[in-house]
Amino acid sequence: MKALIIAAHGSRKKESNLEVASLAARVLEKAKRSFEVVEYAFLQFADPLLEMRIDELVQKGATKIVIFPFFIGSGHHILVDMPELIKKAQLTYQQVEFKLTRHLGKIEAIEDIILHEVMK
């Protein structure tokens, strides 16, 4: 099973976390041919934490897990926390292929998305 996790910071504000959950559901609708599962996870302040979501997906039979960091800038979570977490997961689950993608702010098309929104 191929799974995608949209990994966000997490917030103490429930509504913010629900936005990420909603995003994951919308992505699943558009990515059904590429991913059997699209989930969300957080690095702090909210559940499920990324480590817990990885464990859950492996228990459900995931053989490849792609993690997309839903972050604008490359702070400590992007540069240190997530790579370390993925390295640890790879050591724990050697039978699973892990891929950590670029974060949202590094995607070249982000400029087009911003312009599309502001030019409405």
PDB file of N, CA and C in Angstrom:
ATOM      1  N   MET A   1       0.836  -1.177   0.000  1.00  0.00           N
ATOM      2  CA  MET A   1       0.000   0.000   0.000  1.00  0.00           C
ATOM      3  C   MET A   1       0.885   1.246   0.000  1.00  0.00           C
ATOM      4  N   LYS A   2       0.562   2.196  -0.863  1.00  0.00           N
ATOM      5  CA  LYS A   2       1.273   3.462  -0.945  1.00  0.00           C
ATOM      6  C   LYS A   2       0.447   4.524  -0.227  1.00  0.00           C
ATOM      7  N   ALA A   3       1.091   5.231   0.705  1.00  0.00           N
ATOM      8  CA  ALA A   3       0.393   6.217   1.524  1.00  0.00           C
ATOM      9  C   ALA A   3       1.079   7.569   1.439  1.00  0.00           C
ATOM     10  N   LEU A   4       0.277   8.611   1.552  1.00  0.00           N
ATOM     11  CA  LEU A   4       0.761   9.982   1.613  1.00  0.00           C
ATOM     12  C   LEU A   4       0.346  10.573   2.948  1.00  0.00           C
ATOM     13  N   ILE A   5       1.290  11.239   3.595  1.00  0.00           N
ATOM     14  CA  ILE A   5       0.984  11.977   4.826  1.00  0.00           C
ATOM     15  C   ILE A   5       1.266  13.447   4.570  1.00  0.00           C
ATOM     16  N   ILE A   6       0.265  14.276   4.783  1.00  0.00           N
ATOM     17  CA  ILE A   6       0.461  15.723   4.762  1.00  0.00           C
ATOM     18  C   ILE A   6       0.802  16.112   6.191  1.00  0.00           C
ATOM     19  N   ALA A   7       2.040  16.534   6.390  1.00  0.00           N
ATOM     20  CA  ALA A   7       2.543  16.819   7.732  1.00  0.00           C
ATOM     21  C   ALA A   7       2.582  18.325   7.974  1.00  0.00           C
ATOM     22  N   ALA A   8       1.806  18.781   8.931  1.00  0.00           N
ATOM     23  CA  ALA A   8       1.735  20.202   9.281  1.00  0.00           C
ATOM     24  C   ALA A   8       2.292  20.415  10.687  1.00  0.00           C
ATOM     25  N   HIS A   9       2.429  21.664  11.050  1.00  0.00           N
ATOM     26  CA  HIS A   9       2.980  21.994  12.364  1.00  0.00           C
ATOM     27  C   HIS A   9       2.090  21.496  13.494  1.00  0.00           C
ATOM     28  N   GLY A  10       0.803  21.784  13.390  1.00  0.00           N
ATOM     29  CA  GLY A  10      -0.118  21.498  14.484  1.00  0.00           C
ATOM     30  C   GLY A  10      -0.392  22.766  15.256  1.00  0.00           C
ATOM     31  N   SER A  11      -1.602  22.861  15.774  1.00  0.00           N
ATOM     32  CA  SER A  11      -2.021  24.075  16.466  1.00  0.00           C
ATOM     33  C   SER A  11      -2.834  23.713  17.697  1.00  0.00           C
ATOM     34  N   ARG A  12      -2.823  24.600  18.661  1.00  0.00           N
ATOM     35  CA  ARG A  12      -3.717  24.432  19.810  1.00  0.00           C
ATOM     36  C   ARG A  12      -5.158  24.781  19.413  1.00  0.00           C
ATOM     37  N   LYS A  13      -5.289  25.439  18.268  1.00  0.00           N
ATOM     38  CA  LYS A  13      -6.594  25.838  17.758  1.00  0.00           C
ATOM     39  C   LYS A  13      -7.163  24.700  16.901  1.00  0.00           C
ATOM     40  N   LYS A  14      -8.234  24.109  17.359  1.00  0.00           N
ATOM     41  CA  LYS A  14      -8.835  22.954  16.705  1.00  0.00           C
ATOM     42  C   LYS A  14      -9.191  23.236  15.245  1.00  0.00           C
ATOM     43  N   GLU A  15      -9.708  24.412  14.962  1.00  0.00           N
ATOM     44  CA  GLU A  15     -10.133  24.761  13.607  1.00  0.00           C
ATOM     45  C   GLU A  15      -8.969  24.691  12.618  1.00  0.00           C
ATOM     46  N   SER A  16      -7.804  25.114  13.056  1.00  0.00           N
ATOM     47  CA  SER A  16      -6.621  25.073  12.193  1.00  0.00           C
ATOM     48  C   SER A  16      -6.262  23.632  11.836  1.00  0.00           C
ATOM     49  N   ASN A  17      -6.322  22.757  12.792  1.00  0.00           N
ATOM     50  CA  ASN A  17      -6.018  21.346  12.550  1.00  0.00           C
ATOM     51  C   ASN A  17      -7.067  20.702  11.644  1.00  0.00           C
ATOM     52  N   LEU A  18      -8.311  21.126  11.794  1.00  0.00           N
ATOM     53  CA  LEU A  18      -9.374  20.603  10.937  1.00  0.00           C
ATOM     54  C   LEU A  18      -9.172  21.017   9.477  1.00  0.00           C
ATOM     55  N   GLU A  19      -8.570  22.169   9.243  1.00  0.00           N
ATOM     56  CA  GLU A  19      -8.261  22.591   7.874  1.00  0.00           C
ATOM     57  C   GLU A  19      -7.290  21.613   7.217  1.00  0.00           C
ATOM     58  N   VAL A  20      -6.315  21.139   7.975  1.00  0.00           N
ATOM     59  CA  VAL A  20      -5.349  20.180   7.443  1.00  0.00           C
ATOM     60  C   VAL A  20      -6.031  18.845   7.171  1.00  0.00           C
ATOM     61  N   ALA A  21      -6.905  18.425   8.061  1.00  0.00           N
ATOM     62  CA  ALA A  21      -7.653  17.181   7.854  1.00  0.00           C
ATOM     63  C   ALA A  21      -8.513  17.289   6.594  1.00  0.00           C
ATOM     64  N   SER A  22      -9.150  18.416   6.400  1.00  0.00           N
ATOM     65  CA  SER A  22      -9.970  18.639   5.216  1.00  0.00           C
ATOM     66  C   SER A  22      -9.118  18.630   3.948  1.00  0.00           C
ATOM     67  N   LEU A  23      -7.960  19.234   4.009  1.00  0.00           N
ATOM     68  CA  LEU A  23      -7.041  19.224   2.875  1.00  0.00           C
ATOM     69  C   LEU A  23      -6.667  17.791   2.497  1.00  0.00           C
ATOM     70  N   ALA A  24      -6.350  16.979   3.482  1.00  0.00           N
ATOM     71  CA  ALA A  24      -5.985  15.579   3.211  1.00  0.00           C
ATOM     72  C   ALA A  24      -7.128  14.842   2.521  1.00  0.00           C
ATOM     73  N   ALA A  25      -8.351  15.093   2.943  1.00  0.00           N
ATOM     74  CA  ALA A  25      -9.510  14.445   2.320  1.00  0.00           C
ATOM     75  C   ALA A  25      -9.667  14.895   0.866  1.00  0.00           C
ATOM     76  N   ARG A  26      -9.453  16.177   0.596  1.00  0.00           N
ATOM     77  CA  ARG A  26      -9.562  16.682  -0.779  1.00  0.00           C
ATOM     78  C   ARG A  26      -8.449  16.131  -1.661  1.00  0.00           C
ATOM     79  N   VAL A  27      -7.251  16.023  -1.108  1.00  0.00           N
ATOM     80  CA  VAL A  27      -6.131  15.458  -1.872  1.00  0.00           C
ATOM     81  C   VAL A  27      -6.413  13.995  -2.200  1.00  0.00           C
ATOM     82  N   LEU A  28      -6.966  13.245  -1.258  1.00  0.00           N
ATOM     83  CA  LEU A  28      -7.293  11.841  -1.516  1.00  0.00           C
ATOM     84  C   LEU A  28      -8.226  11.713  -2.709  1.00  0.00           C
ATOM     85  N   GLU A  29      -9.222  12.572  -2.799  1.00  0.00           N
ATOM     86  CA  GLU A  29     -10.167  12.518  -3.916  1.00  0.00           C
ATOM     87  C   GLU A  29      -9.473  12.688  -5.263  1.00  0.00           C
ATOM     88  N   LYS A  30      -8.409  13.495  -5.280  1.00  0.00           N
ATOM     89  CA  LYS A  30      -7.697  13.759  -6.532  1.00  0.00           C
ATOM     90  C   LYS A  30      -6.529  12.807  -6.770  1.00  0.00           C
ATOM     91  N   ALA A  31      -6.136  12.044  -5.752  1.00  0.00           N
ATOM     92  CA  ALA A  31      -4.933  11.214  -5.861  1.00  0.00           C
ATOM     93  C   ALA A  31      -5.202   9.718  -5.711  1.00  0.00           C
ATOM     94  N   LYS A  32      -6.437   9.316  -5.868  1.00  0.00           N
ATOM     95  CA  LYS A  32      -6.797   7.908  -5.640  1.00  0.00           C
ATOM     96  C   LYS A  32      -6.013   6.939  -6.513  1.00  0.00           C
ATOM     97  N   ARG A  33      -5.607   7.371  -7.692  1.00  0.00           N
ATOM     98  CA  ARG A  33      -4.841   6.476  -8.570  1.00  0.00           C
ATOM     99  C   ARG A  33      -3.386   6.333  -8.130  1.00  0.00           C
ATOM    100  N   SER A  34      -2.898   7.304  -7.394  1.00  0.00           N
ATOM    101  CA  SER A  34      -1.496   7.288  -6.969  1.00  0.00           C
ATOM    102  C   SER A  34      -1.293   6.806  -5.542  1.00  0.00           C
ATOM    103  N   PHE A  35      -2.260   7.070  -4.677  1.00  0.00           N
ATOM    104  CA  PHE A  35      -2.151   6.708  -3.265  1.00  0.00           C
ATOM    105  C   PHE A  35      -3.432   6.025  -2.808  1.00  0.00           C
ATOM    106  N   GLU A  36      -3.266   4.902  -2.121  1.00  0.00           N
ATOM    107  CA  GLU A  36      -4.439   4.244  -1.541  1.00  0.00           C
ATOM    108  C   GLU A  36      -4.932   4.988  -0.311  1.00  0.00           C
ATOM    109  N   VAL A  37      -4.003   5.657   0.359  1.00  0.00           N
ATOM    110  CA  VAL A  37      -4.325   6.355   1.597  1.00  0.00           C
ATOM    111  C   VAL A  37      -3.677   7.737   1.575  1.00  0.00           C
ATOM    112  N   VAL A  38      -4.443   8.747   1.971  1.00  0.00           N
ATOM    113  CA  VAL A  38      -3.896  10.089   2.210  1.00  0.00           C
ATOM    114  C   VAL A  38      -4.336  10.483   3.609  1.00  0.00           C
ATOM    115  N   GLU A  39      -3.354  10.727   4.465  1.00  0.00           N
ATOM    116  CA  GLU A  39      -3.620  11.079   5.851  1.00  0.00           C
ATOM    117  C   GLU A  39      -2.952  12.403   6.171  1.00  0.00           C
ATOM    118  N   TYR A  40      -3.165  12.866   7.372  1.00  0.00           N
ATOM    119  CA  TYR A  40      -2.517  14.075   7.868  1.00  0.00           C
ATOM    120  C   TYR A  40      -1.888  13.749   9.214  1.00  0.00           C
ATOM    121  N   ALA A  41      -0.919  14.567   9.590  1.00  0.00           N
ATOM    122  CA  ALA A  41      -0.264  14.404  10.891  1.00  0.00           C
ATOM    123  C   ALA A  41       0.351  15.741  11.275  1.00  0.00           C
ATOM    124  N   PHE A  42       0.736  15.834  12.535  1.00  0.00           N
ATOM    125  CA  PHE A  42       1.286  17.078  13.060  1.00  0.00           C
ATOM    126  C   PHE A  42       2.609  16.813  13.765  1.00  0.00           C
ATOM    127  N   LEU A  43       3.424  17.853  13.852  1.00  0.00           N
ATOM    128  CA  LEU A  43       4.690  17.725  14.555  1.00  0.00           C
ATOM    129  C   LEU A  43       4.562  18.052  16.036  1.00  0.00           C
ATOM    130  N   GLN A  44       3.591  18.891  16.374  1.00  0.00           N
ATOM    131  CA  GLN A  44       3.365  19.192  17.788  1.00  0.00           C
ATOM    132  C   GLN A  44       1.999  19.827  17.977  1.00  0.00           C
ATOM    133  N   PHE A  45       1.568  19.917  19.207  1.00  0.00           N
ATOM    134  CA  PHE A  45       0.334  20.584  19.646  1.00  0.00           C
ATOM    135  C   PHE A  45      -0.964  19.875  19.281  1.00  0.00           C
ATOM    136  N   ALA A  46      -0.942  18.863  18.419  1.00  0.00           N
ATOM    137  CA  ALA A  46      -2.185  18.212  18.003  1.00  0.00           C
ATOM    138  C   ALA A  46      -1.922  16.762  17.626  1.00  0.00           C
ATOM    139  N   ASP A  47      -2.960  15.976  17.717  1.00  0.00           N
ATOM    140  CA  ASP A  47      -2.887  14.572  17.316  1.00  0.00           C
ATOM    141  C   ASP A  47      -3.571  14.387  15.970  1.00  0.00           C
ATOM    142  N   PRO A  48      -3.124  13.428  15.229  1.00  0.00           N
ATOM    143  CA  PRO A  48      -2.042  12.491  15.519  1.00  0.00           C
ATOM    144  C   PRO A  48      -0.674  13.107  15.208  1.00  0.00           C
ATOM    145  N   LEU A  49       0.286  12.777  16.034  1.00  0.00           N
ATOM    146  CA  LEU A  49       1.652  13.181  15.756  1.00  0.00           C
ATOM    147  C   LEU A  49       2.181  12.350  14.590  1.00  0.00           C
ATOM    148  N   LEU A  50       3.148  12.891  13.884  1.00  0.00           N
ATOM    149  CA  LEU A  50       3.683  12.219  12.702  1.00  0.00           C
ATOM    150  C   LEU A  50       4.193  10.816  13.019  1.00  0.00           C
ATOM    151  N   GLU A  51       4.894  10.662  14.125  1.00  0.00           N
ATOM    152  CA  GLU A  51       5.402   9.325  14.498  1.00  0.00           C
ATOM    153  C   GLU A  51       4.261   8.329  14.662  1.00  0.00           C
ATOM    154  N   MET A  52       3.187   8.769  15.300  1.00  0.00           N
ATOM    155  CA  MET A  52       2.034   7.895  15.523  1.00  0.00           C
ATOM    156  C   MET A  52       1.368   7.525  14.201  1.00  0.00           C
ATOM    157  N   ARG A  53       1.262   8.496  13.298  1.00  0.00           N
ATOM    158  CA  ARG A  53       0.626   8.230  12.001  1.00  0.00           C
ATOM    159  C   ARG A  53       1.459   7.247  11.194  1.00  0.00           C
ATOM    160  N   ILE A  54       2.767   7.382  11.224  1.00  0.00           N
ATOM    161  CA  ILE A  54       3.636   6.430  10.524  1.00  0.00           C
ATOM    162  C   ILE A  54       3.425   5.027  11.078  1.00  0.00           C
ATOM    163  N   ASP A  55       3.458   4.889  12.399  1.00  0.00           N
ATOM    164  CA  ASP A  55       3.238   3.585  13.031  1.00  0.00           C
ATOM    165  C   ASP A  55       1.904   2.983  12.587  1.00  0.00           C
ATOM    166  N   GLU A  56       0.863   3.805  12.581  1.00  0.00           N
ATOM    167  CA  GLU A  56      -0.474   3.356  12.202  1.00  0.00           C
ATOM    168  C   GLU A  56      -0.506   2.849  10.757  1.00  0.00           C
ATOM    169  N   LEU A  57       0.117   3.597   9.859  1.00  0.00           N
ATOM    170  CA  LEU A  57       0.102   3.210   8.452  1.00  0.00           C
ATOM    171  C   LEU A  57       0.906   1.943   8.198  1.00  0.00           C
ATOM    172  N   VAL A  58       2.018   1.799   8.889  1.00  0.00           N
ATOM    173  CA  VAL A  58       2.811   0.570   8.747  1.00  0.00           C
ATOM    174  C   VAL A  58       1.997  -0.625   9.243  1.00  0.00           C
ATOM    175  N   GLN A  59       1.304  -0.466  10.365  1.00  0.00           N
ATOM    176  CA  GLN A  59       0.468  -1.553  10.895  1.00  0.00           C
ATOM    177  C   GLN A  59      -0.650  -1.920   9.926  1.00  0.00           C
ATOM    178  N   LYS A  60      -1.117  -0.951   9.134  1.00  0.00           N
ATOM    179  CA  LYS A  60      -2.173  -1.207   8.148  1.00  0.00           C
ATOM    180  C   LYS A  60      -1.633  -1.785   6.842  1.00  0.00           C
ATOM    181  N   GLY A  61      -0.291  -1.889   6.736  1.00  0.00           N
ATOM    182  CA  GLY A  61       0.296  -2.514   5.557  1.00  0.00           C
ATOM    183  C   GLY A  61       0.972  -1.589   4.565  1.00  0.00           C
ATOM    184  N   ALA A  62       1.255  -0.366   4.953  1.00  0.00           N
ATOM    185  CA  ALA A  62       1.941   0.549   4.038  1.00  0.00           C
ATOM    186  C   ALA A  62       3.335   0.026   3.708  1.00  0.00           C
ATOM    187  N   THR A  63       3.656   0.048   2.420  1.00  0.00           N
ATOM    188  CA  THR A  63       4.987  -0.358   1.973  1.00  0.00           C
ATOM    189  C   THR A  63       5.796   0.842   1.479  1.00  0.00           C
ATOM    190  N   LYS A  64       5.106   1.918   1.158  1.00  0.00           N
ATOM    191  CA  LYS A  64       5.755   3.180   0.793  1.00  0.00           C
ATOM    192  C   LYS A  64       4.966   4.307   1.432  1.00  0.00           C
ATOM    193  N   ILE A  65       5.685   5.195   2.127  1.00  0.00           N
ATOM    194  CA  ILE A  65       5.060   6.347   2.772  1.00  0.00           C
ATOM    195  C   ILE A  65       5.775   7.604   2.286  1.00  0.00           C
ATOM    196  N   VAL A  66       5.004   8.471   1.641  1.00  0.00           N
ATOM    197  CA  VAL A  66       5.509   9.759   1.185  1.00  0.00           C
ATOM    198  C   VAL A  66       5.018  10.812   2.165  1.00  0.00           C
ATOM    199  N   ILE A  67       5.942  11.630   2.645  1.00  0.00           N
ATOM    200  CA  ILE A  67       5.595  12.678   3.605  1.00  0.00           C
ATOM    201  C   ILE A  67       5.788  14.033   2.936  1.00  0.00           C
ATOM    202  N   PHE A  68       4.694  14.802   2.875  1.00  0.00           N
ATOM    203  CA  PHE A  68       4.734  16.145   2.306  1.00  0.00           C
ATOM    204  C   PHE A  68       4.650  17.159   3.434  1.00  0.00           C
ATOM    205  N   PRO A  69       5.728  17.932   3.660  1.00  0.00           N
ATOM    206  CA  PRO A  69       5.710  18.960   4.708  1.00  0.00           C
ATOM    207  C   PRO A  69       4.896  20.173   4.275  1.00  0.00           C
ATOM    208  N   PHE A  70       3.781  20.390   4.932  1.00  0.00           N
ATOM    209  CA  PHE A  70       2.885  21.502   4.639  1.00  0.00           C
ATOM    210  C   PHE A  70       3.358  22.728   5.429  1.00  0.00           C
ATOM    211  N   PHE A  71       4.532  23.215   5.042  1.00  0.00           N
ATOM    212  CA  PHE A  71       5.201  24.334   5.711  1.00  0.00           C
ATOM    213  C   PHE A  71       5.642  25.329   4.649  1.00  0.00           C
ATOM    214  N   ILE A  72       5.578  26.605   4.965  1.00  0.00           N
ATOM    215  CA  ILE A  72       6.020  27.637   4.027  1.00  0.00           C
ATOM    216  C   ILE A  72       7.536  27.816   4.072  1.00  0.00           C
ATOM    217  N   GLY A  73       8.109  27.922   5.257  1.00  0.00           N
ATOM    218  CA  GLY A  73       9.535  28.184   5.380  1.00  0.00           C
ATOM    219  C   GLY A  73      10.310  26.988   5.913  1.00  0.00           C
ATOM    220  N   SER A  74      11.619  27.043   5.721  1.00  0.00           N
ATOM    221  CA  SER A  74      12.469  25.921   6.137  1.00  0.00           C
ATOM    222  C   SER A  74      13.114  26.199   7.490  1.00  0.00           C
ATOM    223  N   GLY A  75      12.295  26.111   8.525  1.00  0.00           N
ATOM    224  CA  GLY A  75      12.787  26.280   9.884  1.00  0.00           C
ATOM    225  C   GLY A  75      13.299  24.963  10.456  1.00  0.00           C
ATOM    226  N   HIS A  76      13.406  24.913  11.745  1.00  0.00           N
ATOM    227  CA  HIS A  76      13.962  23.754  12.453  1.00  0.00           C
ATOM    228  C   HIS A  76      13.183  22.474  12.164  1.00  0.00           C
ATOM    229  N   HIS A  77      11.872  22.567  12.080  1.00  0.00           N
ATOM    230  CA  HIS A  77      11.078  21.362  11.799  1.00  0.00           C
ATOM    231  C   HIS A  77      11.446  20.757  10.450  1.00  0.00           C
ATOM    232  N   ILE A  78      11.683  21.589   9.453  1.00  0.00           N
ATOM    233  CA  ILE A  78      12.019  21.113   8.109  1.00  0.00           C
ATOM    234  C   ILE A  78      13.470  20.655   8.037  1.00  0.00           C
ATOM    235  N   LEU A  79      14.361  21.425   8.607  1.00  0.00           N
ATOM    236  CA  LEU A  79      15.791  21.145   8.486  1.00  0.00           C
ATOM    237  C   LEU A  79      16.284  20.038   9.406  1.00  0.00           C
ATOM    238  N   VAL A  80      15.670  19.890  10.574  1.00  0.00           N
ATOM    239  CA  VAL A  80      16.185  18.951  11.565  1.00  0.00           C
ATOM    240  C   VAL A  80      15.149  17.904  11.983  1.00  0.00           C
ATOM    241  N   ASP A  81      14.022  18.359  12.501  1.00  0.00           N
ATOM    242  CA  ASP A  81      13.062  17.439  13.111  1.00  0.00           C
ATOM    243  C   ASP A  81      12.538  16.369  12.148  1.00  0.00           C
ATOM    244  N   MET A  82      12.060  16.802  10.994  1.00  0.00           N
ATOM    245  CA  MET A  82      11.469  15.830  10.067  1.00  0.00           C
ATOM    246  C   MET A  82      12.505  14.862   9.496  1.00  0.00           C
ATOM    247  N   PRO A  83      13.670  15.335   9.045  1.00  0.00           N
ATOM    248  CA  PRO A  83      14.663  14.361   8.567  1.00  0.00           C
ATOM    249  C   PRO A  83      15.074  13.345   9.636  1.00  0.00           C
ATOM    250  N   GLU A  84      15.223  13.801  10.873  1.00  0.00           N
ATOM    251  CA  GLU A  84      15.579  12.880  11.955  1.00  0.00           C
ATOM    252  C   GLU A  84      14.460  11.878  12.217  1.00  0.00           C
ATOM    253  N   LEU A  85      13.227  12.351  12.192  1.00  0.00           N
ATOM    254  CA  LEU A  85      12.081  11.482  12.419  1.00  0.00           C
ATOM    255  C   LEU A  85      11.980  10.415  11.319  1.00  0.00           C
ATOM    256  N   ILE A  86      12.201  10.812  10.076  1.00  0.00           N
ATOM    257  CA  ILE A  86      12.142   9.865   8.959  1.00  0.00           C
ATOM    258  C   ILE A  86      13.295   8.870   9.048  1.00  0.00           C
ATOM    259  N   LYS A  87      14.460   9.335   9.423  1.00  0.00           N
ATOM    260  CA  LYS A  87      15.611   8.438   9.580  1.00  0.00           C
ATOM    261  C   LYS A  87      15.321   7.380  10.652  1.00  0.00           C
ATOM    262  N   LYS A  88      14.750   7.807  11.755  1.00  0.00           N
ATOM    263  CA  LYS A  88      14.388   6.881  12.831  1.00  0.00           C
ATOM    264  C   LYS A  88      13.330   5.878  12.356  1.00  0.00           C
ATOM    265  N   ALA A  89      12.324   6.367  11.634  1.00  0.00           N
ATOM    266  CA  ALA A  89      11.277   5.479  11.124  1.00  0.00           C
ATOM    267  C   ALA A  89      11.861   4.454  10.159  1.00  0.00           C
ATOM    268  N   GLN A  90      12.803   4.890   9.314  1.00  0.00           N
ATOM    269  CA  GLN A  90      13.420   3.969   8.355  1.00  0.00           C
ATOM    270  C   GLN A  90      14.205   2.867   9.066  1.00  0.00           C
ATOM    271  N   LEU A  91      14.843   3.212  10.153  1.00  0.00           N
ATOM    272  CA  LEU A  91      15.563   2.203  10.933  1.00  0.00           C
ATOM    273  C   LEU A  91      14.599   1.232  11.608  1.00  0.00           C
ATOM    274  N   THR A  92      13.474   1.740  12.066  1.00  0.00           N
ATOM    275  CA  THR A  92      12.474   0.904  12.725  1.00  0.00           C
ATOM    276  C   THR A  92      11.737   0.022  11.734  1.00  0.00           C
ATOM    277  N   TYR A  93      11.397   0.577  10.596  1.00  0.00           N
ATOM    278  CA  TYR A  93      10.606  -0.136   9.578  1.00  0.00           C
ATOM    279  C   TYR A  93      11.421  -0.249   8.293  1.00  0.00           C
ATOM    280  N   GLN A  94      12.398  -1.129   8.309  1.00  0.00           N
ATOM    281  CA  GLN A  94      13.302  -1.263   7.173  1.00  0.00           C
ATOM    282  C   GLN A  94      12.613  -1.783   5.919  1.00  0.00           C
ATOM    283  N   GLN A  95      11.466  -2.423   6.072  1.00  0.00           N
ATOM    284  CA  GLN A  95      10.731  -2.965   4.934  1.00  0.00           C
ATOM    285  C   GLN A  95       9.896  -1.900   4.220  1.00  0.00           C
ATOM    286  N   VAL A  96       9.821  -0.701   4.793  1.00  0.00           N
ATOM    287  CA  VAL A  96       9.003   0.377   4.238  1.00  0.00           C
ATOM    288  C   VAL A  96       9.910   1.406   3.575  1.00  0.00           C
ATOM    289  N   GLU A  97       9.489   1.858   2.398  1.00  0.00           N
ATOM    290  CA  GLU A  97      10.205   2.926   1.713  1.00  0.00           C
ATOM    291  C   GLU A  97       9.613   4.267   2.157  1.00  0.00           C
ATOM    292  N   PHE A  98      10.469   5.166   2.592  1.00  0.00           N
ATOM    293  CA  PHE A  98      10.040   6.492   3.020  1.00  0.00           C
ATOM    294  C   PHE A  98      10.587   7.540   2.056  1.00  0.00           C
ATOM    295  N   LYS A  99       9.765   8.523   1.778  1.00  0.00           N
ATOM    296  CA  LYS A  99      10.204   9.650   0.953  1.00  0.00           C
ATOM    297  C   LYS A  99       9.704  10.932   1.599  1.00  0.00           C
ATOM    298  N   LEU A 100      10.630  11.834   1.856  1.00  0.00           N
ATOM    299  CA  LEU A 100      10.304  13.159   2.384  1.00  0.00           C
ATOM    300  C   LEU A 100      10.454  14.146   1.229  1.00  0.00           C
ATOM    301  N   THR A 101       9.354  14.796   0.848  1.00  0.00           N
ATOM    302  CA  THR A 101       9.390  15.716  -0.283  1.00  0.00           C
ATOM    303  C   THR A 101       9.847  17.106   0.166  1.00  0.00           C
ATOM    304  N   ARG A 102       9.978  17.981  -0.822  1.00  0.00           N
ATOM    305  CA  ARG A 102      10.240  19.393  -0.505  1.00  0.00           C
ATOM    306  C   ARG A 102       9.022  19.949   0.230  1.00  0.00           C
ATOM    307  N   HIS A 103       9.251  20.963   1.039  1.00  0.00           N
ATOM    308  CA  HIS A 103       8.126  21.600   1.718  1.00  0.00           C
ATOM    309  C   HIS A 103       7.426  22.563   0.772  1.00  0.00           C
ATOM    310  N   LEU A 104       6.213  22.935   1.121  1.00  0.00           N
ATOM    311  CA  LEU A 104       5.356  23.754   0.272  1.00  0.00           C
ATOM    312  C   LEU A 104       6.057  25.011  -0.249  1.00  0.00           C
ATOM    313  N   GLY A 105       6.763  25.700   0.611  1.00  0.00           N
ATOM    314  CA  GLY A 105       7.411  26.951   0.219  1.00  0.00           C
ATOM    315  C   GLY A 105       8.517  26.794  -0.801  1.00  0.00           C
ATOM    316  N   LYS A 106       9.041  25.597  -1.012  1.00  0.00           N
ATOM    317  CA  LYS A 106      10.120  25.344  -1.971  1.00  0.00           C
ATOM    318  C   LYS A 106       9.611  24.960  -3.353  1.00  0.00           C
ATOM    319  N   ILE A 107       8.330  24.735  -3.491  1.00  0.00           N
ATOM    320  CA  ILE A 107       7.794  24.316  -4.777  1.00  0.00           C
ATOM    321  C   ILE A 107       7.733  25.521  -5.706  1.00  0.00           C
ATOM    322  N   GLU A 108       8.298  25.361  -6.901  1.00  0.00           N
ATOM    323  CA  GLU A 108       8.388  26.475  -7.839  1.00  0.00           C
ATOM    324  C   GLU A 108       7.019  27.060  -8.184  1.00  0.00           C
ATOM    325  N   ALA A 109       5.985  26.253  -8.244  1.00  0.00           N
ATOM    326  CA  ALA A 109       4.657  26.719  -8.639  1.00  0.00           C
ATOM    327  C   ALA A 109       3.962  27.551  -7.558  1.00  0.00           C
ATOM    328  N   ILE A 110       4.565  27.716  -6.406  1.00  0.00           N
ATOM    329  CA  ILE A 110       3.914  28.471  -5.336  1.00  0.00           C
ATOM    330  C   ILE A 110       3.645  29.911  -5.781  1.00  0.00           C
ATOM    331  N   GLU A 111       4.530  30.462  -6.607  1.00  0.00           N
ATOM    332  CA  GLU A 111       4.315  31.821  -7.110  1.00  0.00           C
ATOM    333  C   GLU A 111       3.032  31.890  -7.938  1.00  0.00           C
ATOM    334  N   ASP A 112       2.812  30.870  -8.769  1.00  0.00           N
ATOM    335  CA  ASP A 112       1.608  30.836  -9.596  1.00  0.00           C
ATOM    336  C   ASP A 112       0.352  30.720  -8.741  1.00  0.00           C
ATOM    337  N   ILE A 113       0.420  29.946  -7.700  1.00  0.00           N
ATOM    338  CA  ILE A 113      -0.718  29.796  -6.804  1.00  0.00           C
ATOM    339  C   ILE A 113      -1.056  31.117  -6.137  1.00  0.00           C
ATOM    340  N   ILE A 114      -0.027  31.819  -5.669  1.00  0.00           N
ATOM    341  CA  ILE A 114      -0.245  33.127  -5.030  1.00  0.00           C
ATOM    342  C   ILE A 114      -0.843  34.110  -6.033  1.00  0.00           C
ATOM    343  N   LEU A 115      -0.286  34.169  -7.218  1.00  0.00           N
ATOM    344  CA  LEU A 115      -0.795  35.097  -8.225  1.00  0.00           C
ATOM    345  C   LEU A 115      -2.208  34.751  -8.653  1.00  0.00           C
ATOM    346  N   HIS A 116      -2.513  33.472  -8.768  1.00  0.00           N
ATOM    347  CA  HIS A 116      -3.869  33.043  -9.119  1.00  0.00           C
ATOM    348  C   HIS A 116      -4.865  33.568  -8.080  1.00  0.00           C
ATOM    349  N   GLU A 117      -4.494  33.490  -6.827  1.00  0.00           N
ATOM    350  CA  GLU A 117      -5.381  33.927  -5.755  1.00  0.00           C
ATOM    351  C   GLU A 117      -5.555  35.447  -5.710  1.00  0.00           C
ATOM    352  N   VAL A 118      -4.476  36.176  -5.878  1.00  0.00           N
ATOM    353  CA  VAL A 118      -4.568  37.631  -5.731  1.00  0.00           C
ATOM    354  C   VAL A 118      -5.111  38.319  -6.973  1.00  0.00           C
ATOM    355  N   MET A 119      -5.110  37.658  -8.102  1.00  0.00           N
ATOM    356  CA  MET A 119      -5.582  38.270  -9.351  1.00  0.00           C
ATOM    357  C   MET A 119      -7.073  38.032  -9.581  1.00  0.00           C
ATOM    358  N   LYS A 120      -7.738  37.381  -8.673  1.00  0.00           N
ATOM    359  CA  LYS A 120      -9.175  37.107  -8.836  1.00  0.00           C
ATOM    360  C   LYS A 120      -9.974  38.384  -8.856  1.00  0.00           C
TER     361      LYS A 120
END
